Amino acid sequence: MIFWVPVSEFILEFVSREEIRFPGMAGSSFRGVFGHCLRKECCVTGQQECSRCQILGVCPYNIIFERAVPADGDTVIRDDTAKPYIFETVNLSNQTSGIGERFSIRVKLFGVESSYMKYIINAMAAAGKRGVGADRRHFRLVRAVQVYANGLTTVYREKEPRFFDLRDFFMRLECPDSAGEIQVIIPENMALILKQRHSCGGKRGVAILPEDFTARKFLTTAVRRTLSLYEHYRQKKKTPVMLPFRTLPEERLRELASGIELCDAAIFPRICTRYSNRSCQKTSLTGFYGSFTLRGDLTPFLPYIWFCAVCHLGSYSIMGLGGYAVRVIR
């Protein structure tokens, strides 16, 4: 099965002005300062509270960083709406970039026009001047390129502060038409963090432990993330969610997920630490990595599994966590 998803991918290249030591959750170093600079870049009203803004539905800051306005035009901001961007920074986890050294991050945008990338690029250039991390280490954005199926195209250069050809792009995904057994491999630096969603079996918002992980949890989370992204960033007003592949209703998929077996699990806990400049404290987050096998009639779930392999899964996926690889066994 071949389908196309509205995902644009970019690579931002930087040079360190001073030594930068990235934490295990390297994406956390960028998220806070990026949000601050993006808001400053996009805001034209100067209001303190975004939720009261009359142009919330078209504000790039809200669409990219906060969360989309629901399709009916309501301006209520929801906490469970998937965000349309991902900062893939796993190559920087626990690494050090010395003075004058180059480093890069990948940015993926789902369902958002590529022209919005100019706001992200400007915000990241400003973030370098403001500094990242608790000790405000500085860097320069020197180049941005857009990734296509046939290569790379430069869209921004430091010494030419203008934007080149930013084009919308659909990423090609290919998954098997059917499968009865697959293996999912989660790298250690992409630890998957899944949380309870209701009080049954645990407190809402608490990360589940590896021993509580189930096939149903993995599959239903993949379905929910896919539908959330399409609903808020690809759905036209008052029309059903249109997916690029045939699918069963979400309720039916939840029922079928209960019949999938989780076996050959070799998953291990990983404590990720995130530092918040806003609260000036570190937060420990429990995730897990390793591999496991799913066995059963996986056919209706395959597009969701392959989609989330690209767009990541679970909490803090916007910081590059929750990525994985898939191998078909039979």
Protein backbone atom coordinates (compact mmCIF):
# COMPACT_ATOMS: atom_id res chain seq x y z
CA MET A 1 0.00 0.00 0.00
CA ILE A 2 1.30 3.41 -1.00
CA PHE A 3 -0.16 6.63 0.35
CA TRP A 4 0.93 10.23 0.64
CA VAL A 5 0.90 12.30 3.80
CA PRO A 6 1.12 16.13 4.03
CA VAL A 7 4.48 16.18 5.80
CA SER A 8 7.18 18.70 4.89
CA GLU A 9 10.68 18.10 6.21
CA PHE A 10 13.46 20.62 6.75
CA ILE A 11 17.01 20.59 8.11
CA LEU A 12 18.25 23.59 10.09
CA GLU A 13 22.02 23.97 10.27
CA PHE A 14 23.67 25.93 13.09
CA VAL A 15 27.11 26.98 14.30
CA SER A 16 27.83 27.23 18.04
CA ARG A 17 29.03 30.59 19.30
CA GLU A 18 30.12 28.91 22.53
CA GLU A 19 30.22 25.37 23.88
CA ILE A 20 26.75 23.86 24.17
CA ARG A 21 26.10 20.70 26.18
CA PHE A 22 22.82 19.14 25.20
CA PRO A 23 20.80 17.07 27.71
CA GLY A 24 19.35 13.62 27.08
CA MET A 25 16.13 15.26 25.89
CA ALA A 26 17.86 17.68 23.55
CA GLY A 27 14.61 18.93 22.06
CA SER A 28 13.74 20.45 25.40
CA SER A 29 16.65 22.85 25.01
CA PHE A 30 14.99 24.41 21.99
CA ARG A 31 11.26 24.21 22.72
CA GLY A 32 10.95 26.94 25.36
CA VAL A 33 13.09 29.56 23.65
CA PHE A 34 11.60 28.64 20.29
CA GLY A 35 8.08 29.24 21.60
CA HIS A 36 9.08 32.58 23.11
CA CYS A 37 10.73 33.77 19.89
CA LEU A 38 7.96 32.41 17.67
CA ARG A 39 5.32 34.31 19.62
CA LYS A 40 7.36 37.49 19.35
CA GLU A 41 7.78 36.89 15.62
CA CYS A 42 4.08 36.27 14.94
CA CYS A 43 2.06 38.35 17.41
CA VAL A 44 0.52 41.51 15.94
CA THR A 45 -1.96 42.34 18.72
CA GLY A 46 0.33 42.44 21.77
CA GLN A 47 -2.25 40.68 23.94
CA GLN A 48 -1.00 38.82 27.00
CA GLU A 49 -3.53 35.97 26.73
CA CYS A 50 -3.71 34.11 23.42
CA SER A 51 -7.05 32.50 24.29
CA ARG A 52 -8.77 35.92 24.12
CA CYS A 53 -7.25 36.91 20.78
CA GLN A 54 -9.74 37.56 17.95
CA ILE A 55 -7.35 36.27 15.26
CA LEU A 56 -6.40 33.08 17.07
CA GLY A 57 -7.63 30.90 14.21
CA VAL A 58 -5.15 32.36 11.70
CA CYS A 59 -2.23 33.14 14.01
CA PRO A 60 0.90 31.18 12.96
CA TYR A 61 2.06 30.99 16.57
CA ASN A 62 -1.16 29.32 17.67
CA ILE A 63 -1.31 27.00 14.67
CA ILE A 64 2.31 25.88 14.94
CA PHE A 65 3.23 26.01 18.61
CA GLU A 66 0.09 25.98 20.72
CA ARG A 67 -2.74 24.03 19.16
CA ALA A 68 -5.18 24.49 16.31
CA VAL A 69 -8.62 26.01 16.63
CA PRO A 70 -11.28 23.26 16.29
CA ALA A 71 -12.87 22.94 12.87
CA ASP A 72 -16.15 24.61 13.88
CA GLY A 73 -14.34 27.89 14.49
CA ASP A 74 -14.52 27.74 18.29
CA THR A 75 -11.50 29.50 19.84
CA VAL A 76 -11.28 27.20 22.85
CA ILE A 77 -7.72 25.90 23.22
CA ARG A 78 -7.62 22.16 23.93
CA ASP A 79 -4.76 20.42 25.73
CA ASP A 80 -5.11 17.13 23.83
CA THR A 81 -4.72 18.45 20.30
CA ALA A 82 -1.66 17.05 18.55
CA LYS A 83 0.88 19.66 17.51
CA PRO A 84 1.81 19.88 13.81
CA TYR A 85 5.59 20.07 14.23
CA ILE A 86 8.42 17.79 15.36
CA PHE A 87 11.96 18.77 16.27
CA GLU A 88 14.12 15.69 15.65
CA THR A 89 17.15 16.28 17.86
CA VAL A 90 18.10 12.76 18.91
CA ASN A 91 21.50 13.12 17.26
CA LEU A 92 22.27 15.83 19.83
CA SER A 93 21.21 13.94 22.97
CA ASN A 94 23.99 14.04 25.59
CA GLN A 95 26.34 15.55 23.01
CA THR A 96 28.54 18.66 23.14
CA SER A 97 28.96 21.19 20.34
CA GLY A 98 32.17 23.17 20.70
CA ILE A 99 32.78 26.78 19.69
CA GLY A 100 32.54 27.06 15.92
CA GLU A 101 31.23 23.53 15.46
CA ARG A 102 28.18 22.77 13.36
CA PHE A 103 25.08 20.92 14.47
CA SER A 104 21.68 20.43 12.91
CA ILE A 105 18.10 19.50 13.71
CA ARG A 106 15.29 18.20 11.52
CA VAL A 107 11.90 19.86 11.56
CA LYS A 108 8.76 18.15 10.27
CA LEU A 109 5.51 20.01 9.61
CA PHE A 110 2.22 18.17 9.24
CA GLY A 111 -0.66 19.72 7.31
CA VAL A 112 0.74 23.24 7.62
CA GLU A 113 1.68 25.20 4.53
CA SER A 114 5.43 25.23 3.97
CA SER A 115 5.28 29.03 3.86
CA TYR A 116 4.79 28.89 7.64
CA MET A 117 8.34 27.59 7.85
CA LYS A 118 9.65 31.14 7.46
CA TYR A 119 8.23 31.92 10.92
CA ILE A 120 10.04 28.90 12.37
CA ILE A 121 13.29 29.85 10.66
CA ASN A 122 13.11 33.45 11.90
CA ALA A 123 12.24 32.23 15.41
CA MET A 124 15.16 29.81 15.49
CA ALA A 125 17.54 32.54 14.30
CA ALA A 126 16.28 34.73 17.15
CA ALA A 127 16.54 31.79 19.57
CA GLY A 128 20.24 31.51 18.78
CA LYS A 129 20.75 35.12 19.81
CA ARG A 130 18.72 34.64 22.99
CA GLY A 131 20.44 31.39 23.94
CA VAL A 132 19.32 27.87 24.86
CA GLY A 133 19.39 25.90 28.07
CA ALA A 134 19.66 27.02 31.66
CA ASP A 135 22.95 28.81 30.95
CA ARG A 136 21.74 30.50 27.74
CA ARG A 137 24.29 29.18 25.26
CA HIS A 138 24.30 30.96 21.90
CA PHE A 139 24.44 29.78 18.31
CA ARG A 140 23.85 31.00 14.74
CA LEU A 141 21.42 29.67 12.16
CA VAL A 142 23.47 29.49 8.97
CA ARG A 143 21.29 27.53 6.55
CA ALA A 144 17.92 25.84 6.14
CA VAL A 145 17.14 23.22 3.50
CA GLN A 146 13.92 21.50 2.50
CA VAL A 147 13.99 17.74 2.00
CA TYR A 148 12.43 16.27 -1.14
CA ALA A 149 12.25 12.73 -2.45
CA ASN A 150 14.99 13.52 -4.97
CA GLY A 151 17.27 15.62 -2.79
CA LEU A 152 17.65 18.86 -0.83
CA THR A 153 16.86 22.47 -1.72
CA THR A 154 18.25 25.47 0.16
CA VAL A 155 15.47 27.76 1.38
CA TYR A 156 17.48 30.14 3.63
CA ARG A 157 21.06 31.33 4.05
CA GLU A 158 22.43 33.45 6.89
CA LYS A 159 24.11 36.01 4.64
CA GLU A 160 21.10 36.26 2.36
CA PRO A 161 18.27 37.03 4.82
CA ARG A 162 15.47 36.17 2.42
CA PHE A 163 13.57 33.01 1.69
CA PHE A 164 13.89 30.97 -1.44
CA ASP A 165 11.38 28.50 -2.85
CA LEU A 166 9.29 27.11 0.04
CA ARG A 167 6.96 24.53 -1.49
CA ASP A 168 4.25 22.31 -0.04
CA PHE A 169 5.21 18.65 -0.23
CA PHE A 170 3.56 15.30 0.39
CA MET A 171 5.74 12.55 1.76
CA ARG A 172 5.41 9.11 0.18
CA LEU A 173 4.81 6.25 2.61
CA GLU A 174 4.72 2.58 1.69
CA CYS A 175 3.49 -0.18 3.97
CA PRO A 176 2.41 -3.79 3.30
CA ASP A 177 -1.17 -4.48 2.32
CA SER A 178 -1.44 -7.03 5.13
CA ALA A 179 0.61 -8.48 7.95
CA GLY A 180 0.13 -10.95 10.75
CA GLU A 181 3.30 -10.21 12.69
CA ILE A 182 5.56 -7.17 12.90
CA GLN A 183 8.42 -6.04 15.11
CA VAL A 184 8.68 -2.48 16.43
CA ILE A 185 12.13 -1.18 17.41
CA ILE A 186 12.43 1.95 19.58
CA PRO A 187 15.96 3.44 19.88
CA GLU A 188 17.08 4.44 23.36
CA ASN A 189 17.40 8.13 22.44
CA MET A 190 13.83 8.09 21.07
CA ALA A 191 12.24 6.64 24.19
CA LEU A 192 8.47 6.25 23.93
CA ILE A 193 6.40 7.96 26.63
CA LEU A 194 2.76 6.88 26.88
CA LYS A 195 0.42 8.21 29.53
CA GLN A 196 -2.83 7.15 31.15
CA ARG A 197 -5.84 8.95 29.71
CA HIS A 198 -8.39 8.17 32.43
CA SER A 199 -8.60 7.04 36.03
CA CYS A 200 -9.20 3.39 35.20
CA GLY A 201 -5.90 1.63 35.87
CA GLY A 202 -4.02 4.73 36.92
CA LYS A 203 -4.08 8.47 37.38
CA ARG A 204 -4.66 10.52 34.22
CA GLY A 205 -1.48 11.99 32.81
CA VAL A 206 0.87 9.56 34.58
CA ALA A 207 3.37 7.79 32.31
CA ILE A 208 2.82 4.05 32.10
CA LEU A 209 5.64 1.68 33.05
CA PRO A 210 7.05 -0.96 30.67
CA GLU A 211 5.26 -3.74 32.56
CA ASP A 212 1.92 -1.99 31.94
CA PHE A 213 2.50 -1.57 28.22
CA THR A 214 0.05 -3.41 25.94
CA ALA A 215 -0.54 -3.87 22.22
CA ARG A 216 -3.89 -2.15 22.58
CA LYS A 217 -2.26 0.92 24.16
CA PHE A 218 0.24 1.21 21.32
CA LEU A 219 -2.31 0.75 18.54
CA THR A 220 -5.04 2.98 19.94
CA THR A 221 -2.49 5.75 20.60
CA ALA A 222 -1.30 5.51 16.97
CA VAL A 223 -4.88 5.73 15.71
CA ARG A 224 -5.71 8.65 18.02
CA ARG A 225 -2.61 10.65 17.03
CA THR A 226 -3.23 10.14 13.32
CA LEU A 227 -6.88 11.17 13.56
CA SER A 228 -6.05 14.18 15.76
CA LEU A 229 -3.53 15.51 13.26
CA TYR A 230 -5.86 15.05 10.31
CA GLU A 231 -8.86 16.47 12.16
CA HIS A 232 -7.17 19.69 13.21
CA TYR A 233 -4.82 20.34 10.31
CA ARG A 234 -6.36 18.70 7.22
CA GLN A 235 -10.10 18.67 7.88
CA LYS A 236 -12.18 21.17 5.96
CA LYS A 237 -14.91 22.88 7.94
CA LYS A 238 -17.85 20.64 8.77
CA THR A 239 -16.61 17.71 6.66
CA PRO A 240 -15.53 14.23 7.78
CA VAL A 241 -11.86 13.51 8.39
CA MET A 242 -10.35 12.36 5.10
CA LEU A 243 -7.48 9.90 5.34
CA PRO A 244 -5.28 8.87 2.40
CA PHE A 245 -6.14 5.22 3.08
CA ARG A 246 -9.30 3.24 3.69
CA THR A 247 -10.03 2.75 7.36
CA LEU A 248 -12.56 1.40 9.81
CA PRO A 249 -14.32 3.63 12.37
CA GLU A 250 -12.23 4.45 15.42
CA GLU A 251 -14.57 2.51 17.71
CA ARG A 252 -14.14 -0.64 15.60
CA LEU A 253 -10.36 -0.24 15.57
CA ARG A 254 -10.37 -0.03 19.37
CA GLU A 255 -12.27 -3.32 19.52
CA LEU A 256 -9.89 -5.03 17.10
CA ALA A 257 -6.86 -3.74 19.01
CA SER A 258 -7.90 -5.82 22.03
CA GLY A 259 -7.31 -8.96 19.96
CA ILE A 260 -3.70 -8.15 19.04
CA GLU A 261 -1.04 -10.02 21.01
CA LEU A 262 2.11 -8.39 22.39
CA CYS A 263 4.99 -10.86 22.52
CA ASP A 264 8.78 -11.13 22.53
CA ALA A 265 8.93 -7.85 24.42
CA ALA A 266 12.39 -6.62 25.34
CA ILE A 267 11.67 -3.12 26.54
CA PHE A 268 13.55 -1.18 29.18
CA PRO A 269 12.77 1.96 31.19
CA ARG A 270 14.54 5.24 30.46
CA ILE A 271 14.27 8.34 32.59
CA CYS A 272 14.34 11.45 30.43
CA THR A 273 15.08 14.76 32.12
CA ARG A 274 13.53 17.98 30.90
CA TYR A 275 14.56 21.38 32.22
CA SER A 276 11.99 24.19 32.14
CA ASN A 277 13.27 27.76 32.16
CA ARG A 278 9.77 28.90 33.02
CA SER A 279 9.64 26.94 36.29
CA CYS A 280 13.44 26.82 36.71
CA GLN A 281 13.41 23.12 37.55
CA LYS A 282 14.02 19.70 36.06
CA THR A 283 11.28 17.17 35.41
CA SER A 284 11.89 13.43 35.19
CA LEU A 285 9.85 11.62 32.56
CA THR A 286 9.58 7.84 32.38
CA GLY A 287 9.73 6.33 28.92
CA PHE A 288 10.92 3.04 27.50
CA TYR A 289 12.90 1.70 24.57
CA GLY A 290 13.74 -1.66 23.06
CA SER A 291 11.63 -3.90 20.84
CA PHE A 292 8.42 -5.88 20.85
CA THR A 293 6.35 -7.95 18.45
CA LEU A 294 2.70 -7.48 17.54
CA ARG A 295 0.83 -10.58 16.38
CA GLY A 296 -2.67 -10.90 14.95
CA ASP A 297 -4.73 -9.30 12.19
CA LEU A 298 -2.74 -6.09 11.87
CA THR A 299 -4.00 -5.13 8.42
CA PRO A 300 -6.35 -2.27 9.48
CA PHE A 301 -3.62 -0.78 11.72
CA LEU A 302 -0.70 -0.81 9.29
CA PRO A 303 -1.15 2.72 7.83
CA TYR A 304 -1.40 4.18 11.34
CA ILE A 305 1.74 2.32 12.47
CA TRP A 306 3.72 3.48 9.44
CA PHE A 307 2.40 7.02 9.72
CA CYS A 308 3.49 7.34 13.36
CA ALA A 309 6.90 5.88 12.55
CA VAL A 310 7.39 9.11 10.57
CA CYS A 311 5.40 11.51 12.75
CA HIS A 312 6.38 9.91 16.09
CA LEU A 313 4.14 8.74 18.90
CA GLY A 314 3.37 9.51 22.53
CA SER A 315 4.11 12.44 24.81
CA TYR A 316 6.88 14.87 23.87
CA SER A 317 6.91 13.60 20.29
CA ILE A 318 7.34 17.25 19.26
CA MET A 319 10.79 17.05 20.88
CA GLY A 320 11.79 14.02 18.84
CA LEU A 321 10.78 11.27 21.24
CA GLY A 322 8.57 8.35 20.25
CA GLY A 323 10.22 7.55 16.92
CA TYR A 324 10.57 3.91 15.93
CA ALA A 325 11.30 1.50 13.08
CA VAL A 326 9.07 -1.33 11.87
CA ARG A 327 10.04 -4.73 10.48
CA VAL A 328 7.53 -7.12 8.90
CA ILE A 329 8.00 -10.71 10.09
CA ARG A 330 5.13 -12.28 8.19
